[in-house]
Amino acid sequence: MSCPICRKPPQAAYRPFCSRRCADVDLARWLRADYTIPTPLTGLEDDPDLRDKDQDRD
């Protein structure tokens, strides 16, 4: 397995990354929400009744 950021061989101290820099780049991407997990749309997001119920909870 190579470093997911730059594709160099990983170093044991930073595994799976090759360096602290690549580990920090990956962390920054997570913190900026560059990585997302796609979720299927259910169609319920457009239902006005459900939107009103969600607002009542706040």
C-alpha atoms as a PDB file:
ATOM      1  CA  MET A   1       0.000   0.000   0.000  1.00  0.00           C
ATOM      2  CA  SER A   2       1.352   3.437  -0.879  1.00  0.00           C
ATOM      3  CA  CYS A   3       0.744   6.808   0.760  1.00  0.00           C
ATOM      4  CA  PRO A   4      -2.811   7.875  -0.131  1.00  0.00           C
ATOM      5  CA  ILE A   5      -1.685  11.481  -0.627  1.00  0.00           C
ATOM      6  CA  CYS A   6       1.527  11.293  -2.704  1.00  0.00           C
ATOM      7  CA  ARG A   7       1.829   7.560  -3.510  1.00  0.00           C
ATOM      8  CA  LYS A   8       5.318   7.176  -1.967  1.00  0.00           C
ATOM      9  CA  PRO A   9       6.073   4.124   0.195  1.00  0.00           C
ATOM     10  CA  PRO A  10       4.696   4.531   3.728  1.00  0.00           C
ATOM     11  CA  GLN A  11       6.922   5.077   6.762  1.00  0.00           C
ATOM     12  CA  ALA A  12       6.177   3.088   9.910  1.00  0.00           C
ATOM     13  CA  ALA A  13       5.955   6.209  12.092  1.00  0.00           C
ATOM     14  CA  TYR A  14       3.250   7.785   9.901  1.00  0.00           C
ATOM     15  CA  ARG A  15       1.548   4.750   8.488  1.00  0.00           C
ATOM     16  CA  PRO A  16      -0.360   4.706   6.132  1.00  0.00           C
ATOM     17  CA  PHE A  17       1.309   7.981   5.138  1.00  0.00           C
ATOM     18  CA  CYS A  18       4.913   8.570   4.124  1.00  0.00           C
ATOM     19  CA  SER A  19       5.466  11.672   6.241  1.00  0.00           C
ATOM     20  CA  ARG A  20       3.954  14.021   8.801  1.00  0.00           C
ATOM     21  CA  ARG A  21       3.192  16.423   5.959  1.00  0.00           C
ATOM     22  CA  CYS A  22       0.988  13.926   4.133  1.00  0.00           C
ATOM     23  CA  ALA A  23      -0.757  13.007   7.394  1.00  0.00           C
ATOM     24  CA  ASP A  24      -1.452  16.708   8.019  1.00  0.00           C
ATOM     25  CA  VAL A  25      -2.743  17.194   4.465  1.00  0.00           C
ATOM     26  CA  ASP A  26      -5.180  14.335   5.007  1.00  0.00           C
ATOM     27  CA  LEU A  27      -6.304  15.739   8.359  1.00  0.00           C
ATOM     28  CA  ALA A  28      -6.894  19.153   6.796  1.00  0.00           C
ATOM     29  CA  ARG A  29      -9.030  17.554   4.105  1.00  0.00           C
ATOM     30  CA  TRP A  30     -11.175  15.871   6.770  1.00  0.00           C
ATOM     31  CA  LEU A  31     -11.512  19.096   8.749  1.00  0.00           C
ATOM     32  CA  ARG A  32     -12.586  21.046   5.639  1.00  0.00           C
ATOM     33  CA  ALA A  33     -15.117  18.291   4.883  1.00  0.00           C
ATOM     34  CA  ASP A  34     -13.478  17.557   1.534  1.00  0.00           C
ATOM     35  CA  TYR A  35     -14.200  13.873   2.157  1.00  0.00           C
ATOM     36  CA  THR A  36     -17.841  12.906   2.259  1.00  0.00           C
ATOM     37  CA  ILE A  37     -19.768   9.695   2.426  1.00  0.00           C
ATOM     38  CA  PRO A  38     -22.459   9.760  -0.253  1.00  0.00           C
ATOM     39  CA  THR A  39     -25.941   8.943   0.953  1.00  0.00           C
ATOM     40  CA  PRO A  40     -28.901   8.195  -1.252  1.00  0.00           C
ATOM     41  CA  LEU A  41     -31.675  10.765  -1.286  1.00  0.00           C
ATOM     42  CA  THR A  42     -34.868   9.381   0.173  1.00  0.00           C
ATOM     43  CA  GLY A  43     -37.207  11.958  -1.297  1.00  0.00           C
ATOM     44  CA  LEU A  44     -38.352  12.903   2.199  1.00  0.00           C
ATOM     45  CA  GLU A  45     -36.231  16.064   2.149  1.00  0.00           C
ATOM     46  CA  ASP A  46     -38.838  17.713  -0.093  1.00  0.00           C
ATOM     47  CA  ASP A  47     -41.824  16.742   2.048  1.00  0.00           C
ATOM     48  CA  PRO A  48     -43.116  20.010   3.632  1.00  0.00           C
ATOM     49  CA  ASP A  49     -44.795  18.122   6.499  1.00  0.00           C
ATOM     50  CA  LEU A  50     -41.512  16.557   7.549  1.00  0.00           C
ATOM     51  CA  ARG A  51     -39.665  19.871   7.239  1.00  0.00           C
ATOM     52  CA  ASP A  52     -42.171  21.515   9.598  1.00  0.00           C
ATOM     53  CA  LYS A  53     -41.814  18.705  12.144  1.00  0.00           C
ATOM     54  CA  ASP A  54     -38.018  19.039  12.061  1.00  0.00           C
ATOM     55  CA  GLN A  55     -38.299  22.778  12.757  1.00  0.00           C
ATOM     56  CA  ASP A  56     -40.623  22.139  15.730  1.00  0.00           C
ATOM     57  CA  ARG A  57     -37.867  20.067  17.397  1.00  0.00           C
ATOM     58  CA  ASP A  58     -35.409  22.969  17.386  1.00  0.00           C
END
